[in-house]
Amino acid sequence: MASFERFEDIEAWKRARHLSKAVYDVSNSNAFARDYGLRDQIRRAVVSIMSNIAEGFERGGNREFIQYLFIARGSAAEVQAQLYIALDAEYITQEQFTQLYDMGSDITRIITGLIRYLKTC
């Protein structure tokens, strides 16, 4: 296992927490809040990033942790895809899209690095 004592110490989890807060904030406003399908789906996806990092870490082995990190990375991509829908529906601005999308990219990059590290252990 990597040298983390708690899942809260993992940088990808910390960044996913910030992304979750940001997604919840933007999806609470105006028409986005009334599009229950998209709002609920993007929220589930963003929560899945944090949840899979935490659950995988607590499984206690690198092999399972890596599996859960791949799922978390997939959830980050799902959030990014749904951000395009929110942008196209004019629920968010281009600036909000770019900020949130970039946060997702950072999380993906960190998770990918962690997977590479764990594969060498």
PDB file of N, CA and C in Angstrom:
ATOM      1  N   MET A   1       0.852  -1.178   0.000  1.00  0.00           N
ATOM      2  CA  MET A   1       0.000   0.000   0.000  1.00  0.00           C
ATOM      3  C   MET A   1       0.891   1.233   0.000  1.00  0.00           C
ATOM      4  N   ALA A   2       0.456   2.274  -0.636  1.00  0.00           N
ATOM      5  CA  ALA A   2       1.195   3.532  -0.646  1.00  0.00           C
ATOM      6  C   ALA A   2       1.318   4.058   0.776  1.00  0.00           C
ATOM      7  N   SER A   3       2.163   5.051   0.961  1.00  0.00           N
ATOM      8  CA  SER A   3       2.415   5.545   2.322  1.00  0.00           C
ATOM      9  C   SER A   3       1.375   6.571   2.759  1.00  0.00           C
ATOM     10  N   PHE A   4       0.147   6.145   2.774  1.00  0.00           N
ATOM     11  CA  PHE A   4      -0.960   6.950   3.278  1.00  0.00           C
ATOM     12  C   PHE A   4      -1.493   6.261   4.516  1.00  0.00           C
ATOM     13  N   GLU A   5      -1.847   7.038   5.491  1.00  0.00           N
ATOM     14  CA  GLU A   5      -2.444   6.440   6.680  1.00  0.00           C
ATOM     15  C   GLU A   5      -3.964   6.444   6.615  1.00  0.00           C
ATOM     16  N   ARG A   6      -4.517   7.438   5.918  1.00  0.00           N
ATOM     17  CA  ARG A   6      -5.970   7.567   5.792  1.00  0.00           C
ATOM     18  C   ARG A   6      -6.285   7.971   4.352  1.00  0.00           C
ATOM     19  N   PHE A   7      -7.450   7.599   3.891  1.00  0.00           N
ATOM     20  CA  PHE A   7      -7.796   7.983   2.516  1.00  0.00           C
ATOM     21  C   PHE A   7      -7.860   9.497   2.364  1.00  0.00           C
ATOM     22  N   GLU A   8      -8.132  10.192   3.461  1.00  0.00           N
ATOM     23  CA  GLU A   8      -8.186  11.656   3.409  1.00  0.00           C
ATOM     24  C   GLU A   8      -6.823  12.285   3.116  1.00  0.00           C
ATOM     25  N   ASP A   9      -5.753  11.503   3.236  1.00  0.00           N
ATOM     26  CA  ASP A   9      -4.403  11.988   2.936  1.00  0.00           C
ATOM     27  C   ASP A   9      -4.086  11.945   1.441  1.00  0.00           C
ATOM     28  N   ILE A  10      -4.900  11.275   0.668  1.00  0.00           N
ATOM     29  CA  ILE A  10      -4.638  11.083  -0.762  1.00  0.00           C
ATOM     30  C   ILE A  10      -5.034  12.354  -1.520  1.00  0.00           C
ATOM     31  N   GLU A  11      -4.106  12.897  -2.256  1.00  0.00           N
ATOM     32  CA  GLU A  11      -4.334  14.161  -2.969  1.00  0.00           C
ATOM     33  C   GLU A  11      -5.515  14.066  -3.937  1.00  0.00           C
ATOM     34  N   ALA A  12      -5.645  12.951  -4.636  1.00  0.00           N
ATOM     35  CA  ALA A  12      -6.760  12.805  -5.575  1.00  0.00           C
ATOM     36  C   ALA A  12      -8.096  12.871  -4.846  1.00  0.00           C
ATOM     37  N   TRP A  13      -8.174  12.292  -3.659  1.00  0.00           N
ATOM     38  CA  TRP A  13      -9.405  12.350  -2.876  1.00  0.00           C
ATOM     39  C   TRP A  13      -9.697  13.791  -2.453  1.00  0.00           C
ATOM     40  N   LYS A  14      -8.671  14.512  -2.026  1.00  0.00           N
ATOM     41  CA  LYS A  14      -8.849  15.915  -1.620  1.00  0.00           C
ATOM     42  C   LYS A  14      -9.369  16.750  -2.789  1.00  0.00           C
ATOM     43  N   ARG A  15      -8.773  16.539  -3.962  1.00  0.00           N
ATOM     44  CA  ARG A  15      -9.205  17.299  -5.144  1.00  0.00           C
ATOM     45  C   ARG A  15     -10.622  16.902  -5.556  1.00  0.00           C
ATOM     46  N   ALA A  16     -10.944  15.630  -5.436  1.00  0.00           N
ATOM     47  CA  ALA A  16     -12.299  15.167  -5.764  1.00  0.00           C
ATOM     48  C   ALA A  16     -13.319  15.793  -4.817  1.00  0.00           C
ATOM     49  N   ARG A  17     -12.934  15.984  -3.588  1.00  0.00           N
ATOM     50  CA  ARG A  17     -13.830  16.644  -2.635  1.00  0.00           C
ATOM     51  C   ARG A  17     -14.122  18.070  -3.077  1.00  0.00           C
ATOM     52  N   HIS A  18     -13.098  18.788  -3.525  1.00  0.00           N
ATOM     53  CA  HIS A  18     -13.308  20.160  -4.013  1.00  0.00           C
ATOM     54  C   HIS A  18     -14.181  20.175  -5.271  1.00  0.00           C
ATOM     55  N   LEU A  19     -13.939  19.215  -6.162  1.00  0.00           N
ATOM     56  CA  LEU A  19     -14.761  19.125  -7.370  1.00  0.00           C
ATOM     57  C   LEU A  19     -16.205  18.824  -7.004  1.00  0.00           C
ATOM     58  N   SER A  20     -16.420  17.948  -6.036  1.00  0.00           N
ATOM     59  CA  SER A  20     -17.784  17.629  -5.602  1.00  0.00           C
ATOM     60  C   SER A  20     -18.509  18.867  -5.115  1.00  0.00           C
ATOM     61  N   LYS A  21     -17.840  19.641  -4.305  1.00  0.00           N
ATOM     62  CA  LYS A  21     -18.439  20.887  -3.790  1.00  0.00           C
ATOM     63  C   LYS A  21     -18.795  21.819  -4.943  1.00  0.00           C
ATOM     64  N   ALA A  22     -17.881  21.961  -5.888  1.00  0.00           N
ATOM     65  CA  ALA A  22     -18.110  22.858  -7.026  1.00  0.00           C
ATOM     66  C   ALA A  22     -19.265  22.372  -7.897  1.00  0.00           C
ATOM     67  N   VAL A  23     -19.342  21.065  -8.140  1.00  0.00           N
ATOM     68  CA  VAL A  23     -20.436  20.514  -8.953  1.00  0.00           C
ATOM     69  C   VAL A  23     -21.769  20.703  -8.239  1.00  0.00           C
ATOM     70  N   TYR A  24     -21.804  20.442  -6.947  1.00  0.00           N
ATOM     71  CA  TYR A  24     -23.042  20.650  -6.196  1.00  0.00           C
ATOM     72  C   TYR A  24     -23.455  22.115  -6.247  1.00  0.00           C
ATOM     73  N   ASP A  25     -22.492  23.016  -6.141  1.00  0.00           N
ATOM     74  CA  ASP A  25     -22.815  24.452  -6.192  1.00  0.00           C
ATOM     75  C   ASP A  25     -23.441  24.848  -7.528  1.00  0.00           C
ATOM     76  N   VAL A  26     -22.807  24.457  -8.632  1.00  0.00           N
ATOM     77  CA  VAL A  26     -23.347  24.875  -9.937  1.00  0.00           C
ATOM     78  C   VAL A  26     -24.645  24.169 -10.269  1.00  0.00           C
ATOM     79  N   SER A  27     -24.806  22.943  -9.787  1.00  0.00           N
ATOM     80  CA  SER A  27     -26.024  22.201 -10.133  1.00  0.00           C
ATOM     81  C   SER A  27     -27.212  22.578  -9.243  1.00  0.00           C
ATOM     82  N   ASN A  28     -26.992  23.452  -8.301  1.00  0.00           N
ATOM     83  CA  ASN A  28     -28.077  23.960  -7.450  1.00  0.00           C
ATOM     84  C   ASN A  28     -28.758  25.185  -8.035  1.00  0.00           C
ATOM     85  N   SER A  29     -28.231  25.693  -9.129  1.00  0.00           N
ATOM     86  CA  SER A  29     -28.733  26.967  -9.630  1.00  0.00           C
ATOM     87  C   SER A  29     -29.614  26.814 -10.868  1.00  0.00           C
ATOM     88  N   ASN A  30     -30.599  27.646 -10.924  1.00  0.00           N
ATOM     89  CA  ASN A  30     -31.452  27.851 -12.102  1.00  0.00           C
ATOM     90  C   ASN A  30     -31.949  26.574 -12.759  1.00  0.00           C
ATOM     91  N   ALA A  31     -31.830  26.550 -14.082  1.00  0.00           N
ATOM     92  CA  ALA A  31     -32.378  25.437 -14.860  1.00  0.00           C
ATOM     93  C   ALA A  31     -31.658  24.130 -14.562  1.00  0.00           C
ATOM     94  N   PHE A  32     -30.386  24.205 -14.227  1.00  0.00           N
ATOM     95  CA  PHE A  32     -29.629  22.999 -13.901  1.00  0.00           C
ATOM     96  C   PHE A  32     -30.305  22.259 -12.744  1.00  0.00           C
ATOM     97  N   ALA A  33     -30.741  22.989 -11.752  1.00  0.00           N
ATOM     98  CA  ALA A  33     -31.386  22.381 -10.584  1.00  0.00           C
ATOM     99  C   ALA A  33     -32.696  21.693 -10.956  1.00  0.00           C
ATOM    100  N   ARG A  34     -33.342  22.161 -12.016  1.00  0.00           N
ATOM    101  CA  ARG A  34     -34.622  21.584 -12.432  1.00  0.00           C
ATOM    102  C   ARG A  34     -34.472  20.413 -13.402  1.00  0.00           C
ATOM    103  N   ASP A  35     -33.261  20.245 -13.942  1.00  0.00           N
ATOM    104  CA  ASP A  35     -32.997  19.097 -14.815  1.00  0.00           C
ATOM    105  C   ASP A  35     -32.548  17.949 -13.917  1.00  0.00           C
ATOM    106  N   TYR A  36     -33.537  17.294 -13.328  1.00  0.00           N
ATOM    107  CA  TYR A  36     -33.257  16.295 -12.304  1.00  0.00           C
ATOM    108  C   TYR A  36     -32.376  15.161 -12.807  1.00  0.00           C
ATOM    109  N   GLY A  37     -32.583  14.740 -14.032  1.00  0.00           N
ATOM    110  CA  GLY A  37     -31.798  13.635 -14.569  1.00  0.00           C
ATOM    111  C   GLY A  37     -30.319  13.970 -14.633  1.00  0.00           C
ATOM    112  N   LEU A  38     -29.979  15.074 -15.291  1.00  0.00           N
ATOM    113  CA  LEU A  38     -28.582  15.464 -15.421  1.00  0.00           C
ATOM    114  C   LEU A  38     -27.999  15.854 -14.069  1.00  0.00           C
ATOM    115  N   ARG A  39     -28.749  16.591 -13.299  1.00  0.00           N
ATOM    116  CA  ARG A  39     -28.256  17.025 -11.981  1.00  0.00           C
ATOM    117  C   ARG A  39     -27.909  15.817 -11.114  1.00  0.00           C
ATOM    118  N   ASP A  40     -28.818  14.862 -11.050  1.00  0.00           N
ATOM    119  CA  ASP A  40     -28.570  13.693 -10.212  1.00  0.00           C
ATOM    120  C   ASP A  40     -27.437  12.829 -10.760  1.00  0.00           C
ATOM    121  N   GLN A  41     -27.358  12.696 -12.071  1.00  0.00           N
ATOM    122  CA  GLN A  41     -26.314  11.855 -12.673  1.00  0.00           C
ATOM    123  C   GLN A  41     -24.922  12.446 -12.459  1.00  0.00           C
ATOM    124  N   ILE A  42     -24.768  13.741 -12.665  1.00  0.00           N
ATOM    125  CA  ILE A  42     -23.447  14.343 -12.481  1.00  0.00           C
ATOM    126  C   ILE A  42     -23.048  14.322 -11.007  1.00  0.00           C
ATOM    127  N   ARG A  43     -24.023  14.458 -10.133  1.00  0.00           N
ATOM    128  CA  ARG A  43     -23.724  14.376  -8.694  1.00  0.00           C
ATOM    129  C   ARG A  43     -23.305  12.966  -8.306  1.00  0.00           C
ATOM    130  N   ARG A  44     -23.997  11.965  -8.835  1.00  0.00           N
ATOM    131  CA  ARG A  44     -23.613  10.580  -8.534  1.00  0.00           C
ATOM    132  C   ARG A  44     -22.204  10.291  -9.036  1.00  0.00           C
ATOM    133  N   ALA A  45     -21.898  10.791 -10.225  1.00  0.00           N
ATOM    134  CA  ALA A  45     -20.574  10.542 -10.808  1.00  0.00           C
ATOM    135  C   ALA A  45     -19.473  11.215  -9.997  1.00  0.00           C
ATOM    136  N   VAL A  46     -19.704  12.445  -9.574  1.00  0.00           N
ATOM    137  CA  VAL A  46     -18.663  13.156  -8.829  1.00  0.00           C
ATOM    138  C   VAL A  46     -18.472  12.546  -7.442  1.00  0.00           C
ATOM    139  N   VAL A  47     -19.552  12.096  -6.833  1.00  0.00           N
ATOM    140  CA  VAL A  47     -19.448  11.422  -5.531  1.00  0.00           C
ATOM    141  C   VAL A  47     -18.721  10.085  -5.696  1.00  0.00           C
ATOM    142  N   SER A  48     -18.912   9.436  -6.818  1.00  0.00           N
ATOM    143  CA  SER A  48     -18.264   8.159  -7.086  1.00  0.00           C
ATOM    144  C   SER A  48     -16.745   8.277  -7.111  1.00  0.00           C
ATOM    145  N   ILE A  49     -16.224   9.407  -7.535  1.00  0.00           N
ATOM    146  CA  ILE A  49     -14.765   9.587  -7.544  1.00  0.00           C
ATOM    147  C   ILE A  49     -14.229   9.451  -6.126  1.00  0.00           C
ATOM    148  N   MET A  50     -14.768  10.260  -5.223  1.00  0.00           N
ATOM    149  CA  MET A  50     -14.334  10.231  -3.825  1.00  0.00           C
ATOM    150  C   MET A  50     -14.570   8.860  -3.198  1.00  0.00           C
ATOM    151  N   SER A  51     -15.740   8.322  -3.424  1.00  0.00           N
ATOM    152  CA  SER A  51     -16.133   7.069  -2.783  1.00  0.00           C
ATOM    153  C   SER A  51     -15.241   5.912  -3.203  1.00  0.00           C
ATOM    154  N   ASN A  52     -14.920   5.829  -4.482  1.00  0.00           N
ATOM    155  CA  ASN A  52     -14.093   4.725  -4.958  1.00  0.00           C
ATOM    156  C   ASN A  52     -12.653   4.840  -4.493  1.00  0.00           C
ATOM    157  N   ILE A  53     -12.142   6.047  -4.392  1.00  0.00           N
ATOM    158  CA  ILE A  53     -10.793   6.221  -3.836  1.00  0.00           C
ATOM    159  C   ILE A  53     -10.779   5.746  -2.383  1.00  0.00           C
ATOM    160  N   ALA A  54     -11.761   6.170  -1.614  1.00  0.00           N
ATOM    161  CA  ALA A  54     -11.827   5.791  -0.198  1.00  0.00           C
ATOM    162  C   ALA A  54     -12.031   4.288  -0.038  1.00  0.00           C
ATOM    163  N   GLU A  55     -12.989   3.731  -0.760  1.00  0.00           N
ATOM    164  CA  GLU A  55     -13.271   2.305  -0.614  1.00  0.00           C
ATOM    165  C   GLU A  55     -12.088   1.458  -1.047  1.00  0.00           C
ATOM    166  N   GLY A  56     -11.478   1.806  -2.160  1.00  0.00           N
ATOM    167  CA  GLY A  56     -10.320   1.049  -2.629  1.00  0.00           C
ATOM    168  C   GLY A  56      -9.173   1.087  -1.642  1.00  0.00           C
ATOM    169  N   PHE A  57      -8.939   2.245  -1.061  1.00  0.00           N
ATOM    170  CA  PHE A  57      -7.875   2.373  -0.066  1.00  0.00           C
ATOM    171  C   PHE A  57      -8.135   1.471   1.131  1.00  0.00           C
ATOM    172  N   GLU A  58      -9.359   1.463   1.590  1.00  0.00           N
ATOM    173  CA  GLU A  58      -9.706   0.694   2.789  1.00  0.00           C
ATOM    174  C   GLU A  58      -9.752  -0.812   2.540  1.00  0.00           C
ATOM    175  N   ARG A  59      -9.711  -1.239   1.289  1.00  0.00           N
ATOM    176  CA  ARG A  59      -9.694  -2.669   0.983  1.00  0.00           C
ATOM    177  C   ARG A  59      -8.390  -3.313   1.450  1.00  0.00           C
ATOM    178  N   GLY A  60      -7.338  -2.511   1.566  1.00  0.00           N
ATOM    179  CA  GLY A  60      -6.120  -2.992   2.196  1.00  0.00           C
ATOM    180  C   GLY A  60      -5.065  -3.590   1.288  1.00  0.00           C
ATOM    181  N   GLY A  61      -5.309  -3.702   0.021  1.00  0.00           N
ATOM    182  CA  GLY A  61      -4.306  -4.257  -0.885  1.00  0.00           C
ATOM    183  C   GLY A  61      -4.172  -3.418  -2.133  1.00  0.00           C
ATOM    184  N   ASN A  62      -2.965  -3.365  -2.674  1.00  0.00           N
ATOM    185  CA  ASN A  62      -2.727  -2.535  -3.854  1.00  0.00           C
ATOM    186  C   ASN A  62      -3.545  -2.977  -5.067  1.00  0.00           C
ATOM    187  N   ARG A  63      -3.694  -4.280  -5.234  1.00  0.00           N
ATOM    188  CA  ARG A  63      -4.415  -4.776  -6.414  1.00  0.00           C
ATOM    189  C   ARG A  63      -5.861  -4.276  -6.438  1.00  0.00           C
ATOM    190  N   GLU A  64      -6.553  -4.415  -5.319  1.00  0.00           N
ATOM    191  CA  GLU A  64      -7.933  -3.925  -5.255  1.00  0.00           C
ATOM    192  C   GLU A  64      -7.984  -2.398  -5.305  1.00  0.00           C
ATOM    193  N   PHE A  65      -7.029  -1.755  -4.644  1.00  0.00           N
ATOM    194  CA  PHE A  65      -6.978  -0.293  -4.659  1.00  0.00           C
ATOM    195  C   PHE A  65      -6.873   0.208  -6.100  1.00  0.00           C
ATOM    196  N   ILE A  66      -5.998  -0.415  -6.866  1.00  0.00           N
ATOM    197  CA  ILE A  66      -5.835  -0.026  -8.277  1.00  0.00           C
ATOM    198  C   ILE A  66      -7.147  -0.189  -9.035  1.00  0.00           C
ATOM    199  N   GLN A  67      -7.833  -1.283  -8.801  1.00  0.00           N
ATOM    200  CA  GLN A  67      -9.117  -1.522  -9.472  1.00  0.00           C
ATOM    201  C   GLN A  67     -10.102  -0.387  -9.172  1.00  0.00           C
ATOM    202  N   TYR A  68     -10.186   0.007  -7.911  1.00  0.00           N
ATOM    203  CA  TYR A  68     -11.090   1.086  -7.531  1.00  0.00           C
ATOM    204  C   TYR A  68     -10.622   2.440  -8.075  1.00  0.00           C
ATOM    205  N   LEU A  69      -9.315   2.616  -8.203  1.00  0.00           N
ATOM    206  CA  LEU A  69      -8.805   3.862  -8.788  1.00  0.00           C
ATOM    207  C   LEU A  69      -9.196   3.966 -10.261  1.00  0.00           C
ATOM    208  N   PHE A  70      -9.188   2.850 -10.959  1.00  0.00           N
ATOM    209  CA  PHE A  70      -9.647   2.869 -12.356  1.00  0.00           C
ATOM    210  C   PHE A  70     -11.121   3.269 -12.434  1.00  0.00           C
ATOM    211  N   ILE A  71     -11.913   2.784 -11.514  1.00  0.00           N
ATOM    212  CA  ILE A  71     -13.331   3.158 -11.485  1.00  0.00           C
ATOM    213  C   ILE A  71     -13.470   4.652 -11.190  1.00  0.00           C
ATOM    214  N   ALA A  72     -12.688   5.147 -10.239  1.00  0.00           N
ATOM    215  CA  ALA A  72     -12.722   6.577  -9.907  1.00  0.00           C
ATOM    216  C   ALA A  72     -12.326   7.413 -11.122  1.00  0.00           C
ATOM    217  N   ARG A  73     -11.322   6.951 -11.858  1.00  0.00           N
ATOM    218  CA  ARG A  73     -10.885   7.675 -13.057  1.00  0.00           C
ATOM    219  C   ARG A  73     -11.988   7.691 -14.109  1.00  0.00           C
ATOM    220  N   GLY A  74     -12.703   6.583 -14.228  1.00  0.00           N
ATOM    221  CA  GLY A  74     -13.840   6.537 -15.151  1.00  0.00           C
ATOM    222  C   GLY A  74     -14.938   7.490 -14.736  1.00  0.00           C
ATOM    223  N   SER A  75     -15.174   7.609 -13.441  1.00  0.00           N
ATOM    224  CA  SER A  75     -16.185   8.537 -12.941  1.00  0.00           C
ATOM    225  C   SER A  75     -15.786   9.979 -13.217  1.00  0.00           C
ATOM    226  N   ALA A  76     -14.504  10.275 -13.142  1.00  0.00           N
ATOM    227  CA  ALA A  76     -14.033  11.629 -13.465  1.00  0.00           C
ATOM    228  C   ALA A  76     -14.313  11.953 -14.934  1.00  0.00           C
ATOM    229  N   ALA A  77     -14.101  10.981 -15.804  1.00  0.00           N
ATOM    230  CA  ALA A  77     -14.409  11.180 -17.223  1.00  0.00           C
ATOM    231  C   ALA A  77     -15.907  11.357 -17.434  1.00  0.00           C
ATOM    232  N   GLU A  78     -16.697  10.621 -16.673  1.00  0.00           N
ATOM    233  CA  GLU A  78     -18.152  10.761 -16.765  1.00  0.00           C
ATOM    234  C   GLU A  78     -18.584  12.173 -16.381  1.00  0.00           C
ATOM    235  N   VAL A  79     -18.005  12.712 -15.328  1.00  0.00           N
ATOM    236  CA  VAL A  79     -18.309  14.090 -14.924  1.00  0.00           C
ATOM    237  C   VAL A  79     -17.948  15.045 -16.052  1.00  0.00           C
ATOM    238  N   GLN A  80     -16.785  14.847 -16.651  1.00  0.00           N
ATOM    239  CA  GLN A  80     -16.371  15.731 -17.737  1.00  0.00           C
ATOM    240  C   GLN A  80     -17.332  15.658 -18.919  1.00  0.00           C
ATOM    241  N   ALA A  81     -17.785  14.473 -19.261  1.00  0.00           N
ATOM    242  CA  ALA A  81     -18.744  14.334 -20.363  1.00  0.00           C
ATOM    243  C   ALA A  81     -20.052  15.041 -20.042  1.00  0.00           C
ATOM    244  N   GLN A  82     -20.496  14.925 -18.806  1.00  0.00           N
ATOM    245  CA  GLN A  82     -21.744  15.567 -18.405  1.00  0.00           C
ATOM    246  C   GLN A  82     -21.612  17.084 -18.338  1.00  0.00           C
ATOM    247  N   LEU A  83     -20.401  17.558 -18.106  1.00  0.00           N
ATOM    248  CA  LEU A  83     -20.180  19.008 -18.138  1.00  0.00           C
ATOM    249  C   LEU A  83     -20.434  19.565 -19.543  1.00  0.00           C
ATOM    250  N   TYR A  84     -20.100  18.788 -20.568  1.00  0.00           N
ATOM    251  CA  TYR A  84     -20.404  19.219 -21.935  1.00  0.00           C
ATOM    252  C   TYR A  84     -21.909  19.375 -22.127  1.00  0.00           C
ATOM    253  N   ILE A  85     -22.661  18.436 -21.582  1.00  0.00           N
ATOM    254  CA  ILE A  85     -24.122  18.518 -21.695  1.00  0.00           C
ATOM    255  C   ILE A  85     -24.628  19.766 -20.990  1.00  0.00           C
ATOM    256  N   ALA A  86     -24.110  20.019 -19.789  1.00  0.00           N
ATOM    257  CA  ALA A  86     -24.528  21.211 -19.035  1.00  0.00           C
ATOM    258  C   ALA A  86     -24.151  22.487 -19.773  1.00  0.00           C
ATOM    259  N   LEU A  87     -22.992  22.494 -20.407  1.00  0.00           N
ATOM    260  CA  LEU A  87     -22.572  23.663 -21.184  1.00  0.00           C
ATOM    261  C   LEU A  87     -23.470  23.854 -22.401  1.00  0.00           C
ATOM    262  N   ASP A  88     -23.713  22.786 -23.129  1.00  0.00           N
ATOM    263  CA  ASP A  88     -24.545  22.867 -24.331  1.00  0.00           C
ATOM    264  C   ASP A  88     -25.977  23.268 -24.009  1.00  0.00           C
ATOM    265  N   ALA A  89     -26.457  22.870 -22.838  1.00  0.00           N
ATOM    266  CA  ALA A  89     -27.809  23.241 -22.408  1.00  0.00           C
ATOM    267  C   ALA A  89     -27.839  24.635 -21.778  1.00  0.00           C
ATOM    268  N   GLU A  90     -26.679  25.250 -21.728  1.00  0.00           N
ATOM    269  CA  GLU A  90     -26.515  26.601 -21.159  1.00  0.00           C
ATOM    270  C   GLU A  90     -26.864  26.656 -19.668  1.00  0.00           C
ATOM    271  N   TYR A  91     -26.592  25.544 -18.969  1.00  0.00           N
ATOM    272  CA  TYR A  91     -26.762  25.514 -17.522  1.00  0.00           C
ATOM    273  C   TYR A  91     -25.549  26.103 -16.816  1.00  0.00           C
ATOM    274  N   ILE A  92     -24.397  26.038 -17.485  1.00  0.00           N
ATOM    275  CA  ILE A  92     -23.165  26.603 -16.942  1.00  0.00           C
ATOM    276  C   ILE A  92     -22.504  27.459 -18.013  1.00  0.00           C
ATOM    277  N   THR A  93     -21.661  28.372 -17.570  1.00  0.00           N
ATOM    278  CA  THR A  93     -20.928  29.231 -18.491  1.00  0.00           C
ATOM    279  C   THR A  93     -19.678  28.517 -18.991  1.00  0.00           C
ATOM    280  N   GLN A  94     -19.077  29.055 -20.017  1.00  0.00           N
ATOM    281  CA  GLN A  94     -17.817  28.505 -20.529  1.00  0.00           C
ATOM    282  C   GLN A  94     -16.745  28.552 -19.438  1.00  0.00           C
ATOM    283  N   GLU A  95     -16.729  29.605 -18.660  1.00  0.00           N
ATOM    284  CA  GLU A  95     -15.750  29.736 -17.574  1.00  0.00           C
ATOM    285  C   GLU A  95     -15.951  28.643 -16.514  1.00  0.00           C
ATOM    286  N   GLN A  96     -17.203  28.401 -16.138  1.00  0.00           N
ATOM    287  CA  GLN A  96     -17.481  27.334 -15.169  1.00  0.00           C
ATOM    288  C   GLN A  96     -17.086  25.975 -15.744  1.00  0.00           C
ATOM    289  N   PHE A  97     -17.436  25.765 -17.013  1.00  0.00           N
ATOM    290  CA  PHE A  97     -17.084  24.512 -17.669  1.00  0.00           C
ATOM    291  C   PHE A  97     -15.580  24.280 -17.617  1.00  0.00           C
ATOM    292  N   THR A  98     -14.817  25.277 -18.024  1.00  0.00           N
ATOM    293  CA  THR A  98     -13.360  25.146 -18.075  1.00  0.00           C
ATOM    294  C   THR A  98     -12.781  24.865 -16.692  1.00  0.00           C
ATOM    295  N   GLN A  99     -13.255  25.585 -15.704  1.00  0.00           N
ATOM    296  CA  GLN A  99     -12.763  25.388 -14.336  1.00  0.00           C
ATOM    297  C   GLN A  99     -13.048  23.963 -13.849  1.00  0.00           C
ATOM    298  N   LEU A 100     -14.287  23.509 -14.009  1.00  0.00           N
ATOM    299  CA  LEU A 100     -14.671  22.184 -13.541  1.00  0.00           C
ATOM    300  C   LEU A 100     -13.997  21.086 -14.356  1.00  0.00           C
ATOM    301  N   TYR A 101     -13.928  21.264 -15.653  1.00  0.00           N
ATOM    302  CA  TYR A 101     -13.299  20.275 -16.529  1.00  0.00           C
ATOM    303  C   TYR A 101     -11.825  20.110 -16.162  1.00  0.00           C
ATOM    304  N   ASP A 102     -11.152  21.242 -15.943  1.00  0.00           N
ATOM    305  CA  ASP A 102      -9.741  21.202 -15.570  1.00  0.00           C
ATOM    306  C   ASP A 102      -9.526  20.539 -14.213  1.00  0.00           C
ATOM    307  N   MET A 103     -10.442  20.752 -13.290  1.00  0.00           N
ATOM    308  CA  MET A 103     -10.358  20.065 -12.002  1.00  0.00           C
ATOM    309  C   MET A 103     -10.443  18.554 -12.214  1.00  0.00           C
ATOM    310  N   GLY A 104     -11.352  18.126 -13.080  1.00  0.00           N
ATOM    311  CA  GLY A 104     -11.466  16.706 -13.398  1.00  0.00           C
ATOM    312  C   GLY A 104     -10.204  16.158 -14.047  1.00  0.00           C
ATOM    313  N   SER A 105      -9.600  16.939 -14.929  1.00  0.00           N
ATOM    314  CA  SER A 105      -8.354  16.512 -15.580  1.00  0.00           C
ATOM    315  C   SER A 105      -7.227  16.357 -14.574  1.00  0.00           C
ATOM    316  N   ASP A 106      -7.148  17.285 -13.627  1.00  0.00           N
ATOM    317  CA  ASP A 106      -6.122  17.187 -12.582  1.00  0.00           C
ATOM    318  C   ASP A 106      -6.308  15.920 -11.754  1.00  0.00           C
ATOM    319  N   ILE A 107      -7.545  15.628 -11.398  1.00  0.00           N
ATOM    320  CA  ILE A 107      -7.829  14.418 -10.622  1.00  0.00           C
ATOM    321  C   ILE A 107      -7.428  13.177 -11.415  1.00  0.00           C
ATOM    322  N   THR A 108      -7.768  13.139 -12.692  1.00  0.00           N
ATOM    323  CA  THR A 108      -7.413  12.007 -13.542  1.00  0.00           C
ATOM    324  C   THR A 108      -5.905  11.826 -13.605  1.00  0.00           C
ATOM    325  N   ARG A 109      -5.180  12.917 -13.754  1.00  0.00           N
ATOM    326  CA  ARG A 109      -3.720  12.865 -13.818  1.00  0.00           C
ATOM    327  C   ARG A 109      -3.138  12.313 -12.520  1.00  0.00           C
ATOM    328  N   ILE A 110      -3.648  12.782 -11.395  1.00  0.00           N
ATOM    329  CA  ILE A 110      -3.150  12.320 -10.099  1.00  0.00           C
ATOM    330  C   ILE A 110      -3.467  10.840  -9.893  1.00  0.00           C
ATOM    331  N   ILE A 111      -4.678  10.432 -10.228  1.00  0.00           N
ATOM    332  CA  ILE A 111      -5.055   9.020 -10.095  1.00  0.00           C
ATOM    333  C   ILE A 111      -4.169   8.146 -10.979  1.00  0.00           C
ATOM    334  N   THR A 112      -3.914   8.585 -12.200  1.00  0.00           N
ATOM    335  CA  THR A 112      -3.066   7.817 -13.112  1.00  0.00           C
ATOM    336  C   THR A 112      -1.666   7.650 -12.533  1.00  0.00           C
ATOM    337  N   GLY A 113      -1.124   8.718 -11.962  1.00  0.00           N
ATOM    338  CA  GLY A 113       0.188   8.630 -11.321  1.00  0.00           C
ATOM    339  C   GLY A 113       0.181   7.683 -10.135  1.00  0.00           C
ATOM    340  N   LEU A 114      -0.887   7.712  -9.361  1.00  0.00           N
ATOM    341  CA  LEU A 114      -0.993   6.823  -8.210  1.00  0.00           C
ATOM    342  C   LEU A 114      -1.091   5.361  -8.658  1.00  0.00           C
ATOM    343  N   ILE A 115      -1.839   5.110  -9.714  1.00  0.00           N
ATOM    344  CA  ILE A 115      -1.934   3.749 -10.255  1.00  0.00           C
ATOM    345  C   ILE A 115      -0.551   3.260 -10.686  1.00  0.00           C
ATOM    346  N   ARG A 116       0.168   4.106 -11.405  1.00  0.00           N
ATOM    347  CA  ARG A 116       1.523   3.723 -11.845  1.00  0.00           C
ATOM    348  C   ARG A 116       2.414   3.400 -10.658  1.00  0.00           C
ATOM    349  N   TYR A 117       2.352   4.234  -9.639  1.00  0.00           N
ATOM    350  CA  TYR A 117       3.151   4.008  -8.433  1.00  0.00           C
ATOM    351  C   TYR A 117       2.784   2.676  -7.785  1.00  0.00           C
ATOM    352  N   LEU A 118       1.494   2.444  -7.606  1.00  0.00           N
ATOM    353  CA  LEU A 118       1.044   1.238  -6.918  1.00  0.00           C
ATOM    354  C   LEU A 118       1.409  -0.031  -7.688  1.00  0.00           C
ATOM    355  N   LYS A 119       1.478   0.065  -8.996  1.00  0.00           N
ATOM    356  CA  LYS A 119       1.858  -1.105  -9.809  1.00  0.00           C
ATOM    357  C   LYS A 119       3.312  -1.496  -9.598  1.00  0.00           C
ATOM    358  N   THR A 120       4.127  -0.574  -9.112  1.00  0.00           N
ATOM    359  CA  THR A 120       5.544  -0.881  -8.880  1.00  0.00           C
ATOM    360  C   THR A 120       5.804  -1.413  -7.481  1.00  0.00           C
ATOM    361  N   CYS A 121       4.812  -1.352  -6.624  1.00  0.00           N
ATOM    362  CA  CYS A 121       4.998  -1.782  -5.223  1.00  0.00           C
ATOM    363  C   CYS A 121       4.812  -3.281  -5.069  1.00  0.00           C
TER     364      CYS A 121
END
